[in-house]
């Protein structure tokens, strides 16, 4: 896990906060999965069984590992914006808006 430079208040901080939320949930899911035999078949199978249908299949694609990688990308985008003035990708902003409380 990388340590992110916290940006000042603004869009980059909102992207970082979205990344932190995703990462926290993914890490908690991995911890719970390690203690529960239901998940022995893996994330896609467990989520697919729980939800069923295409909904379960779709949700199963976004594994906790992928969620952590995605959070890392969001943090990198926010940090680059803060450090170098690199524009935030519109997708990162859309994710931050979708996850805002």
Protein backbone atom coordinates (compact mmCIF):
# COMPACT_ATOMS: atom_id res chain seq x y z
CA UNK A 1 0.00 0.00 0.00
CA UNK A 2 1.31 3.44 -0.88
CA UNK A 3 1.16 6.43 1.42
CA UNK A 4 -0.63 9.28 -0.29
CA UNK A 5 0.25 12.93 0.12
CA UNK A 6 -2.97 14.51 1.31
CA UNK A 7 -4.01 17.29 -1.02
CA UNK A 8 -5.51 20.55 0.19
CA UNK A 9 -9.32 20.82 0.28
CA UNK A 10 -10.74 20.57 -3.23
CA UNK A 11 -11.33 17.99 -5.97
CA UNK A 12 -8.04 16.13 -5.40
CA UNK A 13 -8.86 15.64 -1.72
CA UNK A 14 -12.32 14.36 -2.66
CA UNK A 15 -10.69 11.82 -5.04
CA UNK A 16 -8.29 10.78 -2.27
CA UNK A 17 -11.19 10.33 0.16
CA UNK A 18 -12.98 8.13 -2.37
CA UNK A 19 -9.81 6.04 -2.68
CA UNK A 20 -9.57 5.72 1.10
CA UNK A 21 -13.19 4.56 1.31
CA UNK A 22 -12.70 1.95 -1.42
CA UNK A 23 -9.43 0.71 0.11
CA UNK A 24 -10.90 0.44 3.63
CA UNK A 25 -13.89 -1.57 2.43
CA UNK A 26 -11.71 -3.85 0.28
CA UNK A 27 -9.28 -4.54 3.11
CA UNK A 28 -12.14 -5.30 5.50
CA UNK A 29 -13.69 -7.64 2.94
CA UNK A 30 -10.39 -9.50 2.55
CA UNK A 31 -10.07 -9.86 6.33
CA UNK A 32 -13.60 -11.24 6.64
CA UNK A 33 -13.12 -13.56 3.67
CA UNK A 34 -10.04 -15.05 5.32
CA UNK A 35 -12.13 -16.04 8.36
CA UNK A 36 -15.18 -17.43 6.56
CA UNK A 37 -15.23 -20.68 4.58
CA UNK A 38 -18.08 -19.36 2.42
CA UNK A 39 -15.45 -17.43 0.44
CA UNK A 40 -13.24 -20.47 -0.23
CA UNK A 41 -14.46 -20.46 -3.84
CA UNK A 42 -13.26 -16.88 -4.30
CA UNK A 43 -14.90 -13.49 -4.63
CA UNK A 44 -16.65 -13.97 -8.00
CA UNK A 45 -18.27 -17.24 -6.89
CA UNK A 46 -19.26 -15.93 -3.46
CA UNK A 47 -20.77 -12.70 -4.75
CA UNK A 48 -22.39 -14.48 -7.68
CA UNK A 49 -24.02 -16.98 -5.34
CA UNK A 50 -25.16 -14.27 -2.95
CA UNK A 51 -26.72 -11.98 -5.55
CA UNK A 52 -27.39 -14.32 -8.45
CA UNK A 53 -27.80 -13.53 -12.12
CA UNK A 54 -25.96 -10.93 -14.13
CA UNK A 55 -26.02 -8.60 -11.12
CA UNK A 56 -23.96 -11.05 -9.09
CA UNK A 57 -21.67 -11.74 -12.00
CA UNK A 58 -21.04 -8.03 -12.51
CA UNK A 59 -20.45 -7.35 -8.81
CA UNK A 60 -18.12 -10.35 -8.68
CA UNK A 61 -15.84 -8.81 -11.29
CA UNK A 62 -14.75 -6.03 -8.91
CA UNK A 63 -12.70 -8.12 -6.49
CA UNK A 64 -11.19 -6.65 -3.32
CA UNK A 65 -7.74 -6.87 -4.94
CA UNK A 66 -8.96 -4.93 -7.96
CA UNK A 67 -10.61 -2.41 -5.64
CA UNK A 68 -7.28 -1.81 -3.89
CA UNK A 69 -5.51 -1.33 -7.23
CA UNK A 70 -8.25 1.09 -8.28
CA UNK A 71 -7.87 3.01 -5.00
CA UNK A 72 -4.11 3.20 -5.64
CA UNK A 73 -4.81 4.69 -9.09
CA UNK A 74 -7.18 7.27 -7.61
CA UNK A 75 -4.55 8.23 -5.01
CA UNK A 76 -1.90 8.55 -7.71
CA UNK A 77 -4.17 10.80 -9.78
CA UNK A 78 -4.90 12.99 -6.73
CA UNK A 79 -1.23 13.16 -5.73
CA UNK A 80 -0.09 14.05 -9.25
CA UNK A 81 -2.71 16.77 -9.39
CA UNK A 82 -1.44 18.22 -6.11
CA UNK A 83 2.28 17.86 -6.80
CA UNK A 84 2.52 18.57 -10.52
CA UNK A 85 -0.76 20.19 -11.48
CA UNK A 86 -1.71 17.23 -13.65
CA UNK A 87 -5.42 17.49 -14.47
CA UNK A 88 -7.59 15.01 -12.61
CA UNK A 89 -9.10 12.42 -14.96
CA UNK A 90 -12.83 12.98 -15.38
CA UNK A 91 -13.41 9.38 -14.38
CA UNK A 92 -11.64 9.95 -11.04
CA UNK A 93 -13.84 12.97 -10.41
CA UNK A 94 -16.97 10.99 -11.34
CA UNK A 95 -16.03 8.26 -8.89
CA UNK A 96 -15.40 10.82 -6.15
CA UNK A 97 -18.78 12.44 -6.80
CA UNK A 98 -20.54 9.05 -6.76
CA UNK A 99 -18.95 8.09 -3.43
CA UNK A 100 -19.37 11.45 -1.69
CA UNK A 101 -21.56 11.26 1.39
